[in-house]
Amino acid sequence: MEDEKLSRILKAVGDTTRRHILTLLVQEGPLRVTALAAHFDMSLNSVSKHIKVLEEAGLVTRRTLGREHFIAAELEPLRVTEGWFAQLKSIWELRLAALENILVTKDQDDE
């Protein structure tokens, strides 16, 4: 389940336009879909498709008031990516520590 979430999130933020949408929402707060679309040189329909991908990843939520759709950033799902990056970092730290240990041991043997 976590792998599926991670894949959806990475797919969503792997696109420049979707990252820009998410950044705008974090900077400015919830925005109408039409206000978001005004920032891009593409159709409202195309922006809506990008928003849909972000919604499927849980990175944005939609609130409807009458005919207006407001989109808001949801950053909690990014904790899944933080956890994955933390795992990668700890693996590399262990490998670097092992390499350092080998180099220190070799230096001591050379003395």
PDB file of N, CA and C in Angstrom:
ATOM      1  N   MET A   1       0.824  -1.198   0.000  1.00  0.00           N
ATOM      2  CA  MET A   1       0.000   0.000   0.000  1.00  0.00           C
ATOM      3  C   MET A   1       0.867   1.261   0.000  1.00  0.00           C
ATOM      4  N   GLU A   2       1.892   1.297   0.837  1.00  0.00           N
ATOM      5  CA  GLU A   2       2.782   2.460   0.871  1.00  0.00           C
ATOM      6  C   GLU A   2       3.495   2.634  -0.468  1.00  0.00           C
ATOM      7  N   ASP A   3       3.859   1.511  -1.113  1.00  0.00           N
ATOM      8  CA  ASP A   3       4.513   1.596  -2.420  1.00  0.00           C
ATOM      9  C   ASP A   3       3.587   2.214  -3.457  1.00  0.00           C
ATOM     10  N   GLU A   4       2.301   1.861  -3.400  1.00  0.00           N
ATOM     11  CA  GLU A   4       1.338   2.443  -4.338  1.00  0.00           C
ATOM     12  C   GLU A   4       1.192   3.938  -4.113  1.00  0.00           C
ATOM     13  N   LYS A   5       1.113   4.342  -2.843  1.00  0.00           N
ATOM     14  CA  LYS A   5       1.024   5.770  -2.517  1.00  0.00           C
ATOM     15  C   LYS A   5       2.251   6.505  -3.023  1.00  0.00           C
ATOM     16  N   LEU A   6       3.415   5.939  -2.744  1.00  0.00           N
ATOM     17  CA  LEU A   6       4.671   6.558  -3.170  1.00  0.00           C
ATOM     18  C   LEU A   6       4.710   6.704  -4.687  1.00  0.00           C
ATOM     19  N   SER A   7       4.298   5.676  -5.399  1.00  0.00           N
ATOM     20  CA  SER A   7       4.302   5.731  -6.864  1.00  0.00           C
ATOM     21  C   SER A   7       3.358   6.813  -7.379  1.00  0.00           C
ATOM     22  N   ARG A   8       2.163   6.913  -6.794  1.00  0.00           N
ATOM     23  CA  ARG A   8       1.216   7.947  -7.220  1.00  0.00           C
ATOM     24  C   ARG A   8       1.767   9.344  -6.951  1.00  0.00           C
ATOM     25  N   ILE A   9       2.388   9.512  -5.795  1.00  0.00           N
ATOM     26  CA  ILE A   9       2.943  10.823  -5.443  1.00  0.00           C
ATOM     27  C   ILE A   9       4.099  11.188  -6.369  1.00  0.00           C
ATOM     28  N   LEU A  10       5.006  10.246  -6.585  1.00  0.00           N
ATOM     29  CA  LEU A  10       6.158  10.539  -7.447  1.00  0.00           C
ATOM     30  C   LEU A  10       5.715  10.801  -8.885  1.00  0.00           C
ATOM     31  N   LYS A  11       4.695  10.075  -9.351  1.00  0.00           N
ATOM     32  CA  LYS A  11       4.156  10.328 -10.684  1.00  0.00           C
ATOM     33  C   LYS A  11       3.566  11.737 -10.745  1.00  0.00           C
ATOM     34  N   ALA A  12       2.829  12.096  -9.716  1.00  0.00           N
ATOM     35  CA  ALA A  12       2.174  13.406  -9.694  1.00  0.00           C
ATOM     36  C   ALA A  12       3.189  14.539  -9.697  1.00  0.00           C
ATOM     37  N   VAL A  13       4.209  14.444  -8.877  1.00  0.00           N
ATOM     38  CA  VAL A  13       5.180  15.538  -8.778  1.00  0.00           C
ATOM     39  C   VAL A  13       6.300  15.421  -9.802  1.00  0.00           C
ATOM     40  N   GLY A  14       6.254  14.369 -10.610  1.00  0.00           N
ATOM     41  CA  GLY A  14       7.257  14.199 -11.656  1.00  0.00           C
ATOM     42  C   GLY A  14       7.042  15.129 -12.835  1.00  0.00           C
ATOM     43  N   ASP A  15       5.908  15.796 -12.865  1.00  0.00           N
ATOM     44  CA  ASP A  15       5.578  16.707 -13.957  1.00  0.00           C
ATOM     45  C   ASP A  15       5.767  18.155 -13.505  1.00  0.00           C
ATOM     46  N   THR A  16       6.423  18.956 -14.325  1.00  0.00           N
ATOM     47  CA  THR A  16       6.724  20.348 -13.991  1.00  0.00           C
ATOM     48  C   THR A  16       5.460  21.162 -13.727  1.00  0.00           C
ATOM     49  N   THR A  17       4.458  20.987 -14.555  1.00  0.00           N
ATOM     50  CA  THR A  17       3.213  21.748 -14.379  1.00  0.00           C
ATOM     51  C   THR A  17       2.555  21.418 -13.052  1.00  0.00           C
ATOM     52  N   ARG A  18       2.514  20.137 -12.691  1.00  0.00           N
ATOM     53  CA  ARG A  18       1.887  19.753 -11.424  1.00  0.00           C
ATOM     54  C   ARG A  18       2.684  20.268 -10.230  1.00  0.00           C
ATOM     55  N   ARG A  19       4.016  20.264 -10.338  1.00  0.00           N
ATOM     56  CA  ARG A  19       4.827  20.842  -9.258  1.00  0.00           C
ATOM     57  C   ARG A  19       4.544  22.338  -9.133  1.00  0.00           C
ATOM     58  N   HIS A  20       4.386  22.999 -10.255  1.00  0.00           N
ATOM     59  CA  HIS A  20       4.093  24.438 -10.243  1.00  0.00           C
ATOM     60  C   HIS A  20       2.719  24.684  -9.612  1.00  0.00           C
ATOM     61  N   ILE A  21       1.732  23.871  -9.956  1.00  0.00           N
ATOM     62  CA  ILE A  21       0.394  23.999  -9.357  1.00  0.00           C
ATOM     63  C   ILE A  21       0.487  23.830  -7.847  1.00  0.00           C
ATOM     64  N   LEU A  22       1.175  22.800  -7.401  1.00  0.00           N
ATOM     65  CA  LEU A  22       1.309  22.537  -5.963  1.00  0.00           C
ATOM     66  C   LEU A  22       2.027  23.694  -5.269  1.00  0.00           C
ATOM     67  N   THR A  23       3.071  24.211  -5.892  1.00  0.00           N
ATOM     68  CA  THR A  23       3.808  25.342  -5.322  1.00  0.00           C
ATOM     69  C   THR A  23       2.912  26.572  -5.200  1.00  0.00           C
ATOM     70  N   LEU A  24       2.150  26.859  -6.236  1.00  0.00           N
ATOM     71  CA  LEU A  24       1.225  28.001  -6.189  1.00  0.00           C
ATOM     72  C   LEU A  24       0.225  27.853  -5.042  1.00  0.00           C
ATOM     73  N   LEU A  25      -0.302  26.650  -4.876  1.00  0.00           N
ATOM     74  CA  LEU A  25      -1.287  26.417  -3.823  1.00  0.00           C
ATOM     75  C   LEU A  25      -0.676  26.563  -2.432  1.00  0.00           C
ATOM     76  N   VAL A  26       0.564  26.137  -2.278  1.00  0.00           N
ATOM     77  CA  VAL A  26       1.236  26.294  -0.981  1.00  0.00           C
ATOM     78  C   VAL A  26       1.513  27.770  -0.717  1.00  0.00           C
ATOM     79  N   GLN A  27       1.943  28.492  -1.734  1.00  0.00           N
ATOM     80  CA  GLN A  27       2.270  29.909  -1.576  1.00  0.00           C
ATOM     81  C   GLN A  27       1.037  30.777  -1.368  1.00  0.00           C
ATOM     82  N   GLU A  28      -0.024  30.512  -2.123  1.00  0.00           N
ATOM     83  CA  GLU A  28      -1.166  31.410  -2.140  1.00  0.00           C
ATOM     84  C   GLU A  28      -2.392  30.889  -1.391  1.00  0.00           C
ATOM     85  N   GLY A  29      -2.376  29.632  -1.002  1.00  0.00           N
ATOM     86  CA  GLY A  29      -3.557  29.056  -0.366  1.00  0.00           C
ATOM     87  C   GLY A  29      -4.528  28.546  -1.411  1.00  0.00           C
ATOM     88  N   PRO A  30      -5.698  28.103  -0.977  1.00  0.00           N
ATOM     89  CA  PRO A  30      -6.676  27.549  -1.919  1.00  0.00           C
ATOM     90  C   PRO A  30      -7.022  28.537  -3.030  1.00  0.00           C
ATOM     91  N   LEU A  31      -7.114  28.016  -4.256  1.00  0.00           N
ATOM     92  CA  LEU A  31      -7.437  28.838  -5.421  1.00  0.00           C
ATOM     93  C   LEU A  31      -8.528  28.169  -6.253  1.00  0.00           C
ATOM     94  N   ARG A  32      -9.292  29.006  -6.942  1.00  0.00           N
ATOM     95  CA  ARG A  32     -10.270  28.476  -7.895  1.00  0.00           C
ATOM     96  C   ARG A  32      -9.503  27.843  -9.056  1.00  0.00           C
ATOM     97  N   VAL A  33     -10.100  26.853  -9.671  1.00  0.00           N
ATOM     98  CA  VAL A  33      -9.469  26.193 -10.810  1.00  0.00           C
ATOM     99  C   VAL A  33      -9.171  27.211 -11.906  1.00  0.00           C
ATOM    100  N   THR A  34     -10.082  28.118 -12.134  1.00  0.00           N
ATOM    101  CA  THR A  34      -9.862  29.136 -13.174  1.00  0.00           C
ATOM    102  C   THR A  34      -8.692  30.060 -12.821  1.00  0.00           C
ATOM    103  N   ALA A  35      -8.520  30.359 -11.550  1.00  0.00           N
ATOM    104  CA  ALA A  35      -7.385  31.189 -11.128  1.00  0.00           C
ATOM    105  C   ALA A  35      -6.073  30.442 -11.324  1.00  0.00           C
ATOM    106  N   LEU A  36      -6.076  29.144 -11.041  1.00  0.00           N
ATOM    107  CA  LEU A  36      -4.880  28.327 -11.283  1.00  0.00           C
ATOM    108  C   LEU A  36      -4.555  28.292 -12.774  1.00  0.00           C
ATOM    109  N   ALA A  37      -5.582  28.073 -13.574  1.00  0.00           N
ATOM    110  CA  ALA A  37      -5.385  27.953 -15.018  1.00  0.00           C
ATOM    111  C   ALA A  37      -4.800  29.229 -15.615  1.00  0.00           C
ATOM    112  N   ALA A  38      -5.098  30.377 -15.019  1.00  0.00           N
ATOM    113  CA  ALA A  38      -4.587  31.656 -15.527  1.00  0.00           C
ATOM    114  C   ALA A  38      -3.061  31.730 -15.482  1.00  0.00           C
ATOM    115  N   HIS A  39      -2.437  30.898 -14.675  1.00  0.00           N
ATOM    116  CA  HIS A  39      -0.973  30.896 -14.545  1.00  0.00           C
ATOM    117  C   HIS A  39      -0.278  30.091 -15.648  1.00  0.00           C
ATOM    118  N   PHE A  40      -1.057  29.405 -16.473  1.00  0.00           N
ATOM    119  CA  PHE A  40      -0.471  28.483 -17.442  1.00  0.00           C
ATOM    120  C   PHE A  40      -0.948  28.792 -18.855  1.00  0.00           C
ATOM    121  N   ASP A  41      -0.096  28.500 -19.799  1.00  0.00           N
ATOM    122  CA  ASP A  41      -0.423  28.688 -21.207  1.00  0.00           C
ATOM    123  C   ASP A  41      -0.990  27.375 -21.751  1.00  0.00           C
ATOM    124  N   MET A  42      -2.143  26.983 -21.201  1.00  0.00           N
ATOM    125  CA  MET A  42      -2.829  25.764 -21.641  1.00  0.00           C
ATOM    126  C   MET A  42      -4.308  25.916 -21.327  1.00  0.00           C
ATOM    127  N   SER A  43      -5.081  25.024 -21.847  1.00  0.00           N
ATOM    128  CA  SER A  43      -6.526  25.114 -21.662  1.00  0.00           C
ATOM    129  C   SER A  43      -6.929  24.787 -20.224  1.00  0.00           C
ATOM    130  N   LEU A  44      -8.102  25.240 -19.861  1.00  0.00           N
ATOM    131  CA  LEU A  44      -8.662  24.932 -18.544  1.00  0.00           C
ATOM    132  C   LEU A  44      -8.801  23.425 -18.384  1.00  0.00           C
ATOM    133  N   ASN A  45      -9.184  22.742 -19.449  1.00  0.00           N
ATOM    134  CA  ASN A  45      -9.323  21.294 -19.421  1.00  0.00           C
ATOM    135  C   ASN A  45      -7.983  20.609 -19.111  1.00  0.00           C
ATOM    136  N   SER A  46      -6.905  21.103 -19.707  1.00  0.00           N
ATOM    137  CA  SER A  46      -5.581  20.523 -19.441  1.00  0.00           C
ATOM    138  C   SER A  46      -5.164  20.731 -17.994  1.00  0.00           C
ATOM    139  N   VAL A  47      -5.394  21.917 -17.472  1.00  0.00           N
ATOM    140  CA  VAL A  47      -5.070  22.187 -16.068  1.00  0.00           C
ATOM    141  C   VAL A  47      -5.906  21.283 -15.167  1.00  0.00           C
ATOM    142  N   SER A  48      -7.172  21.098 -15.517  1.00  0.00           N
ATOM    143  CA  SER A  48      -8.049  20.221 -14.730  1.00  0.00           C
ATOM    144  C   SER A  48      -7.520  18.788 -14.692  1.00  0.00           C
ATOM    145  N   LYS A  49      -6.967  18.326 -15.798  1.00  0.00           N
ATOM    146  CA  LYS A  49      -6.388  16.970 -15.839  1.00  0.00           C
ATOM    147  C   LYS A  49      -5.184  16.871 -14.906  1.00  0.00           C
ATOM    148  N   HIS A  50      -4.367  17.912 -14.871  1.00  0.00           N
ATOM    149  CA  HIS A  50      -3.221  17.926 -13.953  1.00  0.00           C
ATOM    150  C   HIS A  50      -3.712  17.918 -12.496  1.00  0.00           C
ATOM    151  N   ILE A  51      -4.741  18.694 -12.223  1.00  0.00           N
ATOM    152  CA  ILE A  51      -5.304  18.731 -10.869  1.00  0.00           C
ATOM    153  C   ILE A  51      -5.833  17.357 -10.476  1.00  0.00           C
ATOM    154  N   LYS A  52      -6.453  16.668 -11.423  1.00  0.00           N
ATOM    155  CA  LYS A  52      -6.998  15.330 -11.155  1.00  0.00           C
ATOM    156  C   LYS A  52      -5.886  14.364 -10.727  1.00  0.00           C
ATOM    157  N   VAL A  53      -4.740  14.438 -11.379  1.00  0.00           N
ATOM    158  CA  VAL A  53      -3.603  13.579 -11.007  1.00  0.00           C
ATOM    159  C   VAL A  53      -3.147  13.913  -9.586  1.00  0.00           C
ATOM    160  N   LEU A  54      -3.074  15.194  -9.270  1.00  0.00           N
ATOM    161  CA  LEU A  54      -2.692  15.605  -7.914  1.00  0.00           C
ATOM    162  C   LEU A  54      -3.723  15.145  -6.883  1.00  0.00           C
ATOM    163  N   GLU A  55      -4.999  15.182  -7.251  1.00  0.00           N
ATOM    164  CA  GLU A  55      -6.055  14.698  -6.353  1.00  0.00           C
ATOM    165  C   GLU A  55      -5.905  13.201  -6.108  1.00  0.00           C
ATOM    166  N   GLU A  56      -5.658  12.446  -7.169  1.00  0.00           N
ATOM    167  CA  GLU A  56      -5.502  10.988  -7.038  1.00  0.00           C
ATOM    168  C   GLU A  56      -4.320  10.630  -6.139  1.00  0.00           C
ATOM    169  N   ALA A  57      -3.313  11.477  -6.117  1.00  0.00           N
ATOM    170  CA  ALA A  57      -2.148  11.252  -5.249  1.00  0.00           C
ATOM    171  C   ALA A  57      -2.395  11.768  -3.832  1.00  0.00           C
ATOM    172  N   GLY A  58      -3.522  12.445  -3.622  1.00  0.00           N
ATOM    173  CA  GLY A  58      -3.838  12.985  -2.304  1.00  0.00           C
ATOM    174  C   GLY A  58      -3.129  14.281  -1.988  1.00  0.00           C
ATOM    175  N   LEU A  59      -2.517  14.904  -2.999  1.00  0.00           N
ATOM    176  CA  LEU A  59      -1.730  16.113  -2.771  1.00  0.00           C
ATOM    177  C   LEU A  59      -2.552  17.390  -2.809  1.00  0.00           C
ATOM    178  N   VAL A  60      -3.773  17.299  -3.333  1.00  0.00           N
ATOM    179  CA  VAL A  60      -4.695  18.434  -3.311  1.00  0.00           C
ATOM    180  C   VAL A  60      -6.098  17.932  -2.994  1.00  0.00           C
ATOM    181  N   THR A  61      -6.904  18.822  -2.457  1.00  0.00           N
ATOM    182  CA  THR A  61      -8.317  18.523  -2.230  1.00  0.00           C
ATOM    183  C   THR A  61      -9.138  19.576  -2.969  1.00  0.00           C
ATOM    184  N   ARG A  62     -10.364  19.192  -3.267  1.00  0.00           N
ATOM    185  CA  ARG A  62     -11.269  20.073  -4.000  1.00  0.00           C
ATOM    186  C   ARG A  62     -12.484  20.348  -3.127  1.00  0.00           C
ATOM    187  N   ARG A  63     -12.868  21.620  -3.083  1.00  0.00           N
ATOM    188  CA  ARG A  63     -14.089  22.023  -2.380  1.00  0.00           C
ATOM    189  C   ARG A  63     -14.943  22.766  -3.393  1.00  0.00           C
ATOM    190  N   THR A  64     -16.191  22.379  -3.474  1.00  0.00           N
ATOM    191  CA  THR A  64     -17.080  22.988  -4.451  1.00  0.00           C
ATOM    192  C   THR A  64     -18.092  23.879  -3.746  1.00  0.00           C
ATOM    193  N   LEU A  65     -18.156  25.124  -4.197  1.00  0.00           N
ATOM    194  CA  LEU A  65     -19.153  26.073  -3.708  1.00  0.00           C
ATOM    195  C   LEU A  65     -19.929  26.561  -4.921  1.00  0.00           C
ATOM    196  N   GLY A  66     -21.129  26.050  -5.077  1.00  0.00           N
ATOM    197  CA  GLY A  66     -21.899  26.381  -6.271  1.00  0.00           C
ATOM    198  C   GLY A  66     -21.190  25.841  -7.493  1.00  0.00           C
ATOM    199  N   ARG A  67     -20.852  26.732  -8.416  1.00  0.00           N
ATOM    200  CA  ARG A  67     -20.157  26.317  -9.641  1.00  0.00           C
ATOM    201  C   ARG A  67     -18.644  26.471  -9.529  1.00  0.00           C
ATOM    202  N   GLU A  68     -18.194  27.050  -8.432  1.00  0.00           N
ATOM    203  CA  GLU A  68     -16.761  27.286  -8.237  1.00  0.00           C
ATOM    204  C   GLU A  68     -16.103  26.080  -7.567  1.00  0.00           C
ATOM    205  N   HIS A  69     -14.955  25.700  -8.094  1.00  0.00           N
ATOM    206  CA  HIS A  69     -14.164  24.617  -7.514  1.00  0.00           C
ATOM    207  C   HIS A  69     -12.887  25.224  -6.958  1.00  0.00           C
ATOM    208  N   PHE A  70     -12.660  25.045  -5.658  1.00  0.00           N
ATOM    209  CA  PHE A  70     -11.461  25.545  -4.998  1.00  0.00           C
ATOM    210  C   PHE A  70     -10.526  24.375  -4.732  1.00  0.00           C
ATOM    211  N   ILE A  71      -9.276  24.567  -5.054  1.00  0.00           N
ATOM    212  CA  ILE A  71      -8.259  23.532  -4.888  1.00  0.00           C
ATOM    213  C   ILE A  71      -7.301  23.982  -3.787  1.00  0.00           C
ATOM    214  N   ALA A  72      -6.996  23.058  -2.873  1.00  0.00           N
ATOM    215  CA  ALA A  72      -6.078  23.351  -1.764  1.00  0.00           C
ATOM    216  C   ALA A  72      -4.997  22.278  -1.702  1.00  0.00           C
ATOM    217  N   ALA A  73      -3.799  22.681  -1.315  1.00  0.00           N
ATOM    218  CA  ALA A  73      -2.680  21.750  -1.161  1.00  0.00           C
ATOM    219  C   ALA A  73      -2.870  20.905   0.091  1.00  0.00           C
ATOM    220  N   GLU A  74      -2.477  19.649  -0.012  1.00  0.00           N
ATOM    221  CA  GLU A  74      -2.454  18.720   1.121  1.00  0.00           C
ATOM    222  C   GLU A  74      -1.057  18.111   1.147  1.00  0.00           C
ATOM    223  N   LEU A  75      -0.234  18.560   2.072  1.00  0.00           N
ATOM    224  CA  LEU A  75       1.166  18.123   2.076  1.00  0.00           C
ATOM    225  C   LEU A  75       1.431  16.890   2.937  1.00  0.00           C
ATOM    226  N   GLU A  76       0.464  16.465   3.707  1.00  0.00           N
ATOM    227  CA  GLU A  76       0.646  15.286   4.570  1.00  0.00           C
ATOM    228  C   GLU A  76       1.103  14.050   3.785  1.00  0.00           C
ATOM    229  N   PRO A  77       0.552  13.783   2.593  1.00  0.00           N
ATOM    230  CA  PRO A  77       1.007  12.600   1.854  1.00  0.00           C
ATOM    231  C   PRO A  77       2.499  12.609   1.519  1.00  0.00           C
ATOM    232  N   LEU A  78       3.107  13.779   1.522  1.00  0.00           N
ATOM    233  CA  LEU A  78       4.533  13.834   1.224  1.00  0.00           C
ATOM    234  C   LEU A  78       5.379  13.151   2.282  1.00  0.00           C
ATOM    235  N   ARG A  79       4.791  12.870   3.427  1.00  0.00           N
ATOM    236  CA  ARG A  79       5.527  12.138   4.476  1.00  0.00           C
ATOM    237  C   ARG A  79       5.961  10.760   3.977  1.00  0.00           C
ATOM    238  N   VAL A  80       5.190  10.183   3.058  1.00  0.00           N
ATOM    239  CA  VAL A  80       5.561   8.896   2.472  1.00  0.00           C
ATOM    240  C   VAL A  80       6.880   9.039   1.724  1.00  0.00           C
ATOM    241  N   THR A  81       7.030  10.135   0.971  1.00  0.00           N
ATOM    242  CA  THR A  81       8.279  10.332   0.231  1.00  0.00           C
ATOM    243  C   THR A  81       9.423  10.668   1.190  1.00  0.00           C
ATOM    244  N   GLU A  82       9.115  11.422   2.237  1.00  0.00           N
ATOM    245  CA  GLU A  82      10.147  11.744   3.228  1.00  0.00           C
ATOM    246  C   GLU A  82      10.689  10.460   3.852  1.00  0.00           C
ATOM    247  N   GLY A  83       9.792   9.532   4.160  1.00  0.00           N
ATOM    248  CA  GLY A  83      10.214   8.252   4.742  1.00  0.00           C
ATOM    249  C   GLY A  83      11.094   7.466   3.789  1.00  0.00           C
ATOM    250  N   TRP A  84      10.716   7.448   2.520  1.00  0.00           N
ATOM    251  CA  TRP A  84      11.492   6.716   1.529  1.00  0.00           C
ATOM    252  C   TRP A  84      12.870   7.342   1.358  1.00  0.00           C
ATOM    253  N   PHE A  85      12.919   8.684   1.258  1.00  0.00           N
ATOM    254  CA  PHE A  85      14.215   9.353   1.133  1.00  0.00           C
ATOM    255  C   PHE A  85      15.068   9.146   2.383  1.00  0.00           C
ATOM    256  N   ALA A  86      14.444   9.113   3.544  1.00  0.00           N
ATOM    257  CA  ALA A  86      15.189   8.866   4.787  1.00  0.00           C
ATOM    258  C   ALA A  86      15.814   7.472   4.759  1.00  0.00           C
ATOM    259  N   GLN A  87      15.073   6.486   4.231  1.00  0.00           N
ATOM    260  CA  GLN A  87      15.632   5.135   4.109  1.00  0.00           C
ATOM    261  C   GLN A  87      16.837   5.125   3.180  1.00  0.00           C
ATOM    262  N   LEU A  88      16.701   5.796   2.038  1.00  0.00           N
ATOM    263  CA  LEU A  88      17.821   5.867   1.094  1.00  0.00           C
ATOM    264  C   LEU A  88      19.034   6.529   1.735  1.00  0.00           C
ATOM    265  N   LYS A  89      18.774   7.613   2.453  1.00  0.00           N
ATOM    266  CA  LYS A  89      19.863   8.342   3.097  1.00  0.00           C
ATOM    267  C   LYS A  89      20.569   7.462   4.127  1.00  0.00           C
ATOM    268  N   SER A  90      19.798   6.726   4.920  1.00  0.00           N
ATOM    269  CA  SER A  90      20.423   5.885   5.951  1.00  0.00           C
ATOM    270  C   SER A  90      21.235   4.758   5.316  1.00  0.00           C
ATOM    271  N   ILE A  91      20.770   4.227   4.196  1.00  0.00           N
ATOM    272  CA  ILE A  91      21.539   3.193   3.498  1.00  0.00           C
ATOM    273  C   ILE A  91      22.870   3.765   3.031  1.00  0.00           C
ATOM    274  N   TRP A  92      22.841   4.959   2.432  1.00  0.00           N
ATOM    275  CA  TRP A  92      24.075   5.577   1.961  1.00  0.00           C
ATOM    276  C   TRP A  92      24.991   5.939   3.116  1.00  0.00           C
ATOM    277  N   GLU A  93      24.432   6.385   4.224  1.00  0.00           N
ATOM    278  CA  GLU A  93      25.261   6.709   5.380  1.00  0.00           C
ATOM    279  C   GLU A  93      25.961   5.466   5.905  1.00  0.00           C
ATOM    280  N   LEU A  94      25.260   4.329   5.931  1.00  0.00           N
ATOM    281  CA  LEU A  94      25.878   3.075   6.366  1.00  0.00           C
ATOM    282  C   LEU A  94      26.991   2.658   5.401  1.00  0.00           C
ATOM    283  N   ARG A  95      26.738   2.801   4.109  1.00  0.00           N
ATOM    284  CA  ARG A  95      27.753   2.428   3.117  1.00  0.00           C
ATOM    285  C   ARG A  95      28.974   3.336   3.209  1.00  0.00           C
ATOM    286  N   LEU A  96      28.733   4.628   3.411  1.00  0.00           N
ATOM    287  CA  LEU A  96      29.860   5.558   3.547  1.00  0.00           C
ATOM    288  C   LEU A  96      30.652   5.292   4.828  1.00  0.00           C
ATOM    289  N   ALA A  97      29.947   4.956   5.895  1.00  0.00           N
ATOM    290  CA  ALA A  97      30.630   4.621   7.152  1.00  0.00           C
ATOM    291  C   ALA A  97      31.483   3.371   6.973  1.00  0.00           C
ATOM    292  N   ALA A  98      30.961   2.376   6.263  1.00  0.00           N
ATOM    293  CA  ALA A  98      31.723   1.149   6.005  1.00  0.00           C
ATOM    294  C   ALA A  98      32.954   1.460   5.156  1.00  0.00           C
ATOM    295  N   LEU A  99      32.790   2.322   4.149  1.00  0.00           N
ATOM    296  CA  LEU A  99      33.923   2.703   3.306  1.00  0.00           C
ATOM    297  C   LEU A  99      34.969   3.453   4.126  1.00  0.00           C
ATOM    298  N   GLU A 100      34.508   4.358   4.975  1.00  0.00           N
ATOM    299  CA  GLU A 100      35.442   5.098   5.834  1.00  0.00           C
ATOM    300  C   GLU A 100      36.203   4.128   6.739  1.00  0.00           C
ATOM    301  N   ASN A 101      35.508   3.156   7.277  1.00  0.00           N
ATOM    302  CA  ASN A 101      36.137   2.157   8.143  1.00  0.00           C
ATOM    303  C   ASN A 101      37.211   1.380   7.379  1.00  0.00           C
ATOM    304  N   ILE A 102      36.920   1.016   6.147  1.00  0.00           N
ATOM    305  CA  ILE A 102      37.896   0.294   5.321  1.00  0.00           C
ATOM    306  C   ILE A 102      39.117   1.172   5.067  1.00  0.00           C
ATOM    307  N   LEU A 103      38.887   2.436   4.744  1.00  0.00           N
ATOM    308  CA  LEU A 103      40.007   3.342   4.459  1.00  0.00           C
ATOM    309  C   LEU A 103      40.860   3.596   5.698  1.00  0.00           C
ATOM    310  N   VAL A 104      40.215   3.776   6.843  1.00  0.00           N
ATOM    311  CA  VAL A 104      40.953   3.988   8.091  1.00  0.00           C
ATOM    312  C   VAL A 104      41.776   2.746   8.427  1.00  0.00           C
ATOM    313  N   THR A 105      41.176   1.580   8.279  1.00  0.00           N
ATOM    314  CA  THR A 105      41.880   0.325   8.554  1.00  0.00           C
ATOM    315  C   THR A 105      43.065   0.157   7.620  1.00  0.00           C
ATOM    316  N   LYS A 106      42.886   0.485   6.348  1.00  0.00           N
ATOM    317  CA  LYS A 106      43.968   0.380   5.372  1.00  0.00           C
ATOM    318  C   LYS A 106      45.097   1.337   5.716  1.00  0.00           C
ATOM    319  N   ASP A 107      44.755   2.557   6.121  1.00  0.00           N
ATOM    320  CA  ASP A 107      45.771   3.533   6.505  1.00  0.00           C
ATOM    321  C   ASP A 107      46.566   3.033   7.704  1.00  0.00           C
ATOM    322  N   GLN A 108      45.877   2.415   8.665  1.00  0.00           N
ATOM    323  CA  GLN A 108      46.542   1.910   9.863  1.00  0.00           C
ATOM    324  C   GLN A 108      47.437   0.729   9.514  1.00  0.00           C
ATOM    325  N   ASP A 109      47.026  -0.095   8.570  1.00  0.00           N
ATOM    326  CA  ASP A 109      47.836  -1.240   8.135  1.00  0.00           C
ATOM    327  C   ASP A 109      49.083  -0.784   7.385  1.00  0.00           C
ATOM    328  N   ASP A 110      48.985   0.347   6.704  1.00  0.00           N
ATOM    329  CA  ASP A 110      50.112   0.884   5.927  1.00  0.00           C
ATOM    330  C   ASP A 110      51.180   1.503   6.817  1.00  0.00           C
ATOM    331  N   GLU A 111      50.820   1.832   8.045  1.00  0.00           N
ATOM    332  CA  GLU A 111      51.776   2.501   8.931  1.00  0.00           C
ATOM    333  C   GLU A 111      52.787   1.583   9.481  1.00  0.00           C
TER     334      GLU A 111
END
